[in-house]
Amino acid sequence: MRKARASEKEIKQAVVDALEVRTCATEIMCAYALAHLGENTVVYTGTCEDEITRARELVSVGAAFAVNCVTTLERHLAAAKAVGISQEEITTIVQLAAFIKGKAASHVEHLVGVVEEKDVVSHGTAAGACG
């Protein structure tokens, strides 16, 4: 983000936005799991976000991709397009998120010594879903 000339405030906001997406994805997964166990739960209303901005949506798309939350990713892809983010920008942020996600998975997998390098690359960006 520094290479893109983001200020300290913008970097901090990006971190807050990414953590908010992760929290929302966790809430969705919790409600989904409890519903399948037959428990009455509050249905997720999708009100975690308040202000829609280009930077916030770019960060949110990347974070939703990184936490494998299809529901959240679909919502942020729609919001990104609504605020004028191009498909090229979305592709770039998803590629960056995939790279970061793959690096994190690689480090964890090497730490526990479960897979060889070539396996980490193929599994580091596996798709998943929530909700």
N, C-alpha and C. Protein backbone atom coordinates (compact mmCIF):
# COMPACT_ATOMS: atom_id res chain seq x y z
N MET A 1 0.82 -1.19 0.00
CA MET A 1 0.00 0.00 0.00
C MET A 1 0.87 1.26 0.00
N ARG A 2 2.04 1.15 0.59
CA ARG A 2 2.93 2.32 0.59
C ARG A 2 3.37 2.66 -0.83
N LYS A 3 3.58 1.63 -1.67
CA LYS A 3 3.98 1.88 -3.05
C LYS A 3 2.88 2.62 -3.80
N ALA A 4 1.63 2.43 -3.38
CA ALA A 4 0.51 3.13 -4.01
C ALA A 4 0.30 4.50 -3.37
N ARG A 5 1.24 4.88 -2.51
CA ARG A 5 1.22 6.18 -1.82
C ARG A 5 0.05 6.33 -0.85
N ALA A 6 -0.32 5.24 -0.19
CA ALA A 6 -1.38 5.31 0.81
C ALA A 6 -0.83 5.95 2.08
N SER A 7 -1.66 6.76 2.71
CA SER A 7 -1.25 7.40 3.96
C SER A 7 -1.39 6.41 5.12
N GLU A 8 -0.82 6.76 6.26
CA GLU A 8 -0.96 5.92 7.46
C GLU A 8 -2.44 5.72 7.79
N LYS A 9 -3.23 6.79 7.68
CA LYS A 9 -4.65 6.70 7.97
C LYS A 9 -5.34 5.74 7.01
N GLU A 10 -5.01 5.80 5.73
CA GLU A 10 -5.61 4.90 4.74
C GLU A 10 -5.22 3.44 4.99
N ILE A 11 -3.97 3.22 5.38
CA ILE A 11 -3.52 1.86 5.68
C ILE A 11 -4.25 1.32 6.89
N LYS A 12 -4.37 2.14 7.94
CA LYS A 12 -5.10 1.72 9.14
C LYS A 12 -6.55 1.41 8.81
N GLN A 13 -7.18 2.23 7.97
CA GLN A 13 -8.58 2.00 7.58
C GLN A 13 -8.71 0.71 6.79
N ALA A 14 -7.73 0.41 5.93
CA ALA A 14 -7.76 -0.83 5.16
C ALA A 14 -7.69 -2.04 6.10
N VAL A 15 -6.87 -1.95 7.13
CA VAL A 15 -6.78 -3.04 8.11
C VAL A 15 -8.11 -3.21 8.84
N VAL A 16 -8.71 -2.11 9.27
CA VAL A 16 -10.01 -2.16 9.95
C VAL A 16 -11.07 -2.76 9.03
N ASP A 17 -11.09 -2.32 7.77
CA ASP A 17 -12.07 -2.85 6.81
C ASP A 17 -11.89 -4.34 6.60
N ALA A 18 -10.65 -4.79 6.44
CA ALA A 18 -10.39 -6.22 6.23
C ALA A 18 -10.82 -7.03 7.45
N LEU A 19 -10.55 -6.54 8.64
CA LEU A 19 -10.97 -7.25 9.84
C LEU A 19 -12.48 -7.29 9.97
N GLU A 20 -13.14 -6.24 9.55
CA GLU A 20 -14.61 -6.21 9.58
C GLU A 20 -15.19 -7.26 8.64
N VAL A 21 -14.59 -7.40 7.45
CA VAL A 21 -15.05 -8.43 6.52
C VAL A 21 -14.87 -9.81 7.13
N ARG A 22 -13.73 -10.03 7.77
CA ARG A 22 -13.49 -11.32 8.42
C ARG A 22 -14.53 -11.57 9.51
N THR A 23 -14.84 -10.56 10.30
CA THR A 23 -15.84 -10.70 11.36
C THR A 23 -17.21 -11.02 10.77
N CYS A 24 -17.58 -10.34 9.71
CA CYS A 24 -18.87 -10.61 9.06
C CYS A 24 -18.92 -12.03 8.50
N ALA A 25 -17.82 -12.47 7.89
CA ALA A 25 -17.77 -13.83 7.37
C ALA A 25 -17.91 -14.85 8.51
N THR A 26 -17.29 -14.56 9.64
CA THR A 26 -17.40 -15.44 10.80
C THR A 26 -18.84 -15.50 11.30
N GLU A 27 -19.52 -14.37 11.32
CA GLU A 27 -20.92 -14.34 11.75
C GLU A 27 -21.80 -15.16 10.80
N ILE A 28 -21.53 -15.05 9.51
CA ILE A 28 -22.30 -15.82 8.53
C ILE A 28 -22.07 -17.31 8.74
N MET A 29 -20.82 -17.71 8.90
CA MET A 29 -20.50 -19.13 9.11
C MET A 29 -21.13 -19.65 10.39
N CYS A 30 -21.11 -18.87 11.44
CA CYS A 30 -21.70 -19.28 12.71
C CYS A 30 -23.20 -19.50 12.56
N ALA A 31 -23.88 -18.55 11.95
CA ALA A 31 -25.33 -18.68 11.76
C ALA A 31 -25.65 -19.88 10.88
N TYR A 32 -24.86 -20.10 9.85
CA TYR A 32 -25.06 -21.23 8.94
C TYR A 32 -24.89 -22.56 9.68
N ALA A 33 -23.82 -22.66 10.46
CA ALA A 33 -23.55 -23.90 11.19
C ALA A 33 -24.62 -24.17 12.24
N LEU A 34 -25.00 -23.16 13.00
CA LEU A 34 -26.02 -23.34 14.03
C LEU A 34 -27.38 -23.69 13.42
N ALA A 35 -27.69 -23.09 12.28
CA ALA A 35 -28.96 -23.41 11.62
C ALA A 35 -28.99 -24.88 11.20
N HIS A 36 -27.87 -25.40 10.77
CA HIS A 36 -27.81 -26.82 10.39
C HIS A 36 -27.85 -27.75 11.59
N LEU A 37 -27.59 -27.21 12.76
CA LEU A 37 -27.72 -27.99 14.00
C LEU A 37 -29.12 -27.85 14.60
N GLY A 38 -29.98 -27.09 13.91
CA GLY A 38 -31.35 -26.92 14.35
C GLY A 38 -31.54 -25.86 15.42
N GLU A 39 -30.54 -25.06 15.65
CA GLU A 39 -30.65 -24.01 16.65
C GLU A 39 -31.25 -22.75 16.03
N ASN A 40 -32.09 -22.08 16.81
CA ASN A 40 -32.63 -20.81 16.36
C ASN A 40 -31.54 -19.77 16.46
N THR A 41 -31.29 -19.11 15.39
CA THR A 41 -30.25 -18.09 15.38
C THR A 41 -30.80 -16.83 14.74
N VAL A 42 -30.12 -15.75 15.02
CA VAL A 42 -30.46 -14.50 14.36
C VAL A 42 -29.89 -14.60 12.95
N VAL A 43 -30.71 -14.36 11.97
CA VAL A 43 -30.25 -14.42 10.58
C VAL A 43 -29.38 -13.22 10.31
N TYR A 44 -28.26 -13.45 9.67
CA TYR A 44 -27.34 -12.38 9.32
C TYR A 44 -28.04 -11.40 8.37
N THR A 45 -27.95 -10.13 8.70
CA THR A 45 -28.67 -9.12 7.93
C THR A 45 -27.79 -8.37 6.94
N GLY A 46 -26.49 -8.63 6.98
CA GLY A 46 -25.60 -7.95 6.04
C GLY A 46 -25.42 -6.49 6.32
N THR A 47 -25.47 -6.09 7.58
CA THR A 47 -25.35 -4.68 7.92
C THR A 47 -24.00 -4.35 8.55
N CYS A 48 -22.98 -5.14 8.30
CA CYS A 48 -21.68 -4.86 8.89
C CYS A 48 -21.05 -3.60 8.30
N GLU A 49 -21.32 -3.32 7.05
CA GLU A 49 -20.70 -2.17 6.42
C GLU A 49 -21.62 -0.95 6.54
N ASP A 50 -20.99 0.20 6.61
CA ASP A 50 -21.80 1.41 6.65
C ASP A 50 -21.55 2.27 5.42
N GLU A 51 -20.36 2.75 5.23
CA GLU A 51 -20.05 3.64 4.12
C GLU A 51 -19.36 2.87 3.00
N ILE A 52 -19.85 3.03 1.79
CA ILE A 52 -19.25 2.35 0.65
C ILE A 52 -18.32 3.33 -0.06
N THR A 53 -17.06 2.97 -0.14
CA THR A 53 -16.09 3.75 -0.88
C THR A 53 -15.29 2.82 -1.78
N ARG A 54 -14.62 3.40 -2.76
CA ARG A 54 -13.80 2.58 -3.65
C ARG A 54 -12.73 1.81 -2.89
N ALA A 55 -11.97 2.51 -2.06
CA ALA A 55 -10.89 1.84 -1.33
C ALA A 55 -11.44 0.76 -0.41
N ARG A 56 -12.53 1.08 0.28
CA ARG A 56 -13.12 0.11 1.20
C ARG A 56 -13.59 -1.13 0.43
N GLU A 57 -14.19 -0.95 -0.72
CA GLU A 57 -14.68 -2.11 -1.47
C GLU A 57 -13.54 -2.92 -2.07
N LEU A 58 -12.48 -2.27 -2.52
CA LEU A 58 -11.33 -3.02 -3.01
C LEU A 58 -10.74 -3.89 -1.89
N VAL A 59 -10.56 -3.31 -0.72
CA VAL A 59 -10.05 -4.06 0.43
C VAL A 59 -11.02 -5.17 0.80
N SER A 60 -12.30 -4.87 0.81
CA SER A 60 -13.31 -5.85 1.20
C SER A 60 -13.40 -7.02 0.23
N VAL A 61 -13.26 -6.75 -1.07
CA VAL A 61 -13.25 -7.83 -2.05
C VAL A 61 -12.06 -8.75 -1.79
N GLY A 62 -10.89 -8.16 -1.58
CA GLY A 62 -9.70 -8.95 -1.30
C GLY A 62 -9.84 -9.76 -0.02
N ALA A 63 -10.37 -9.15 1.03
CA ALA A 63 -10.53 -9.84 2.30
C ALA A 63 -11.57 -10.95 2.21
N ALA A 64 -12.68 -10.69 1.53
CA ALA A 64 -13.72 -11.72 1.38
C ALA A 64 -13.17 -12.91 0.60
N PHE A 65 -12.38 -12.64 -0.41
CA PHE A 65 -11.74 -13.71 -1.16
C PHE A 65 -10.80 -14.49 -0.24
N ALA A 66 -10.03 -13.77 0.55
CA ALA A 66 -9.03 -14.40 1.41
C ALA A 66 -9.64 -15.31 2.48
N VAL A 67 -10.84 -14.96 2.96
CA VAL A 67 -11.47 -15.80 3.98
C VAL A 67 -12.46 -16.79 3.39
N ASN A 68 -12.46 -16.91 2.06
CA ASN A 68 -13.31 -17.90 1.36
C ASN A 68 -14.80 -17.74 1.64
N CYS A 69 -15.28 -16.52 1.73
CA CYS A 69 -16.69 -16.31 2.02
C CYS A 69 -17.43 -15.86 0.76
N VAL A 70 -18.10 -16.81 0.13
CA VAL A 70 -18.80 -16.53 -1.12
C VAL A 70 -19.88 -15.46 -0.91
N THR A 71 -20.65 -15.58 0.15
CA THR A 71 -21.73 -14.63 0.42
C THR A 71 -21.19 -13.21 0.52
N THR A 72 -20.14 -13.03 1.30
CA THR A 72 -19.55 -11.71 1.48
C THR A 72 -18.89 -11.24 0.20
N LEU A 73 -18.22 -12.14 -0.51
CA LEU A 73 -17.57 -11.77 -1.76
C LEU A 73 -18.59 -11.30 -2.79
N GLU A 74 -19.70 -12.01 -2.91
CA GLU A 74 -20.74 -11.59 -3.86
C GLU A 74 -21.25 -10.19 -3.53
N ARG A 75 -21.49 -9.93 -2.25
CA ARG A 75 -21.99 -8.61 -1.83
C ARG A 75 -20.98 -7.51 -2.15
N HIS A 76 -19.70 -7.78 -1.88
CA HIS A 76 -18.69 -6.75 -2.12
C HIS A 76 -18.36 -6.59 -3.61
N LEU A 77 -18.47 -7.65 -4.38
CA LEU A 77 -18.28 -7.51 -5.83
C LEU A 77 -19.37 -6.61 -6.42
N ALA A 78 -20.60 -6.81 -5.97
CA ALA A 78 -21.70 -5.96 -6.44
C ALA A 78 -21.49 -4.51 -6.01
N ALA A 79 -21.08 -4.32 -4.75
CA ALA A 79 -20.84 -2.96 -4.25
C ALA A 79 -19.67 -2.31 -4.99
N ALA A 80 -18.64 -3.10 -5.29
CA ALA A 80 -17.49 -2.57 -6.01
C ALA A 80 -17.90 -2.07 -7.38
N LYS A 81 -18.69 -2.85 -8.08
CA LYS A 81 -19.16 -2.43 -9.40
C LYS A 81 -20.06 -1.20 -9.30
N ALA A 82 -20.84 -1.13 -8.22
CA ALA A 82 -21.75 0.01 -8.03
C ALA A 82 -20.99 1.31 -7.82
N VAL A 83 -19.79 1.25 -7.25
CA VAL A 83 -19.01 2.47 -7.04
C VAL A 83 -17.98 2.70 -8.14
N GLY A 84 -18.12 1.94 -9.25
CA GLY A 84 -17.30 2.20 -10.42
C GLY A 84 -15.95 1.50 -10.46
N ILE A 85 -15.77 0.46 -9.68
CA ILE A 85 -14.51 -0.28 -9.73
C ILE A 85 -14.56 -1.20 -10.95
N SER A 86 -13.51 -1.14 -11.75
CA SER A 86 -13.48 -1.91 -13.01
C SER A 86 -13.17 -3.38 -12.74
N GLN A 87 -13.48 -4.21 -13.73
CA GLN A 87 -13.16 -5.64 -13.64
C GLN A 87 -11.65 -5.84 -13.54
N GLU A 88 -10.89 -4.99 -14.21
CA GLU A 88 -9.43 -5.07 -14.15
C GLU A 88 -8.94 -4.82 -12.72
N GLU A 89 -9.52 -3.82 -12.03
CA GLU A 89 -9.13 -3.55 -10.65
C GLU A 89 -9.52 -4.71 -9.73
N ILE A 90 -10.70 -5.28 -9.96
CA ILE A 90 -11.14 -6.43 -9.16
C ILE A 90 -10.20 -7.60 -9.38
N THR A 91 -9.84 -7.86 -10.62
CA THR A 91 -8.91 -8.95 -10.92
C THR A 91 -7.58 -8.74 -10.22
N THR A 92 -7.08 -7.51 -10.25
CA THR A 92 -5.80 -7.21 -9.61
C THR A 92 -5.86 -7.44 -8.11
N ILE A 93 -6.92 -6.99 -7.46
CA ILE A 93 -7.00 -7.15 -6.00
C ILE A 93 -7.18 -8.62 -5.63
N VAL A 94 -7.92 -9.38 -6.42
CA VAL A 94 -8.10 -10.80 -6.15
C VAL A 94 -6.78 -11.55 -6.36
N GLN A 95 -6.03 -11.18 -7.39
CA GLN A 95 -4.72 -11.80 -7.60
C GLN A 95 -3.78 -11.50 -6.44
N LEU A 96 -3.81 -10.28 -5.94
CA LEU A 96 -2.99 -9.92 -4.79
C LEU A 96 -3.42 -10.70 -3.55
N ALA A 97 -4.72 -10.79 -3.32
CA ALA A 97 -5.23 -11.54 -2.18
C ALA A 97 -4.86 -13.02 -2.29
N ALA A 98 -4.92 -13.57 -3.50
CA ALA A 98 -4.55 -14.98 -3.70
C ALA A 98 -3.06 -15.19 -3.41
N PHE A 99 -2.25 -14.26 -3.82
CA PHE A 99 -0.82 -14.34 -3.55
C PHE A 99 -0.55 -14.31 -2.05
N ILE A 100 -1.16 -13.36 -1.35
CA ILE A 100 -0.97 -13.24 0.10
C ILE A 100 -1.49 -14.48 0.81
N LYS A 101 -2.66 -14.93 0.41
CA LYS A 101 -3.26 -16.12 1.00
C LYS A 101 -2.37 -17.34 0.78
N GLY A 102 -1.85 -17.49 -0.41
CA GLY A 102 -0.96 -18.60 -0.71
C GLY A 102 0.32 -18.56 0.10
N LYS A 103 0.88 -17.36 0.26
CA LYS A 103 2.10 -17.21 1.06
C LYS A 103 1.83 -17.57 2.52
N ALA A 104 0.71 -17.11 3.05
CA ALA A 104 0.37 -17.42 4.45
C ALA A 104 0.19 -18.93 4.63
N ALA A 105 -0.54 -19.56 3.71
CA ALA A 105 -0.76 -21.01 3.80
C ALA A 105 0.57 -21.75 3.68
N SER A 106 1.43 -21.30 2.81
CA SER A 106 2.73 -21.93 2.63
C SER A 106 3.55 -21.87 3.91
N HIS A 107 3.57 -20.72 4.56
CA HIS A 107 4.33 -20.58 5.80
C HIS A 107 3.79 -21.50 6.88
N VAL A 108 2.48 -21.55 7.01
CA VAL A 108 1.87 -22.40 8.04
C VAL A 108 2.15 -23.87 7.74
N GLU A 109 1.96 -24.27 6.49
CA GLU A 109 2.17 -25.67 6.13
C GLU A 109 3.64 -26.07 6.29
N HIS A 110 4.56 -25.19 5.97
CA HIS A 110 5.97 -25.49 6.17
C HIS A 110 6.31 -25.55 7.66
N LEU A 111 5.68 -24.72 8.44
CA LEU A 111 5.92 -24.71 9.88
C LEU A 111 5.58 -26.06 10.50
N VAL A 112 4.49 -26.65 10.07
CA VAL A 112 4.11 -27.96 10.64
C VAL A 112 4.67 -29.11 9.83
N GLY A 113 5.32 -28.83 8.70
CA GLY A 113 6.01 -29.83 7.91
C GLY A 113 5.13 -30.90 7.29
N VAL A 114 3.94 -30.52 6.83
CA VAL A 114 3.02 -31.50 6.28
C VAL A 114 3.10 -31.70 4.78
N VAL A 115 3.55 -30.74 4.05
CA VAL A 115 3.55 -30.87 2.59
C VAL A 115 4.83 -30.35 2.00
N GLU A 116 5.07 -30.77 0.77
CA GLU A 116 6.21 -30.26 0.03
C GLU A 116 5.84 -28.95 -0.65
N GLU A 117 6.83 -28.20 -1.05
CA GLU A 117 6.62 -26.89 -1.68
C GLU A 117 5.62 -26.94 -2.82
N LYS A 118 5.71 -27.90 -3.74
CA LYS A 118 4.80 -27.92 -4.90
C LYS A 118 3.35 -28.14 -4.48
N ASP A 119 3.11 -28.88 -3.37
CA ASP A 119 1.75 -29.09 -2.90
C ASP A 119 1.17 -27.82 -2.29
N VAL A 120 2.00 -27.03 -1.63
CA VAL A 120 1.54 -25.80 -1.00
C VAL A 120 1.00 -24.84 -2.04
N VAL A 121 1.68 -24.71 -3.15
CA VAL A 121 1.24 -23.78 -4.19
C VAL A 121 -0.11 -24.18 -4.72
N SER A 122 -0.34 -25.47 -4.93
CA SER A 122 -1.62 -25.89 -5.50
C SER A 122 -2.75 -25.82 -4.49
N HIS A 123 -2.45 -25.92 -3.20
CA HIS A 123 -3.50 -25.88 -2.19
C HIS A 123 -3.62 -24.53 -1.50
N GLY A 124 -2.66 -23.67 -1.67
CA GLY A 124 -2.63 -22.40 -0.95
C GLY A 124 -3.73 -21.44 -1.30
N THR A 125 -4.37 -21.61 -2.46
CA THR A 125 -5.42 -20.68 -2.87
C THR A 125 -6.72 -21.41 -3.16
N ALA A 126 -6.93 -22.53 -2.48
CA ALA A 126 -8.15 -23.30 -2.72
C ALA A 126 -9.38 -22.49 -2.41
N ALA A 127 -10.40 -22.66 -3.21
CA ALA A 127 -11.66 -21.93 -3.02
C ALA A 127 -12.49 -22.61 -1.94
N GLY A 128 -13.31 -21.85 -1.30
CA GLY A 128 -14.23 -22.38 -0.30
C GLY A 128 -15.48 -21.53 -0.29
N ALA A 129 -16.31 -21.76 0.68
CA ALA A 129 -17.56 -20.99 0.74
C ALA A 129 -18.00 -20.82 2.16
N CYS A 130 -18.73 -19.80 2.39
CA CYS A 130 -19.41 -19.63 3.67
C CYS A 130 -20.81 -19.14 3.36
N GLY A 131 -21.73 -19.53 4.18
CA GLY A 131 -23.12 -19.10 4.03
C GLY A 131 -23.81 -19.52 2.80
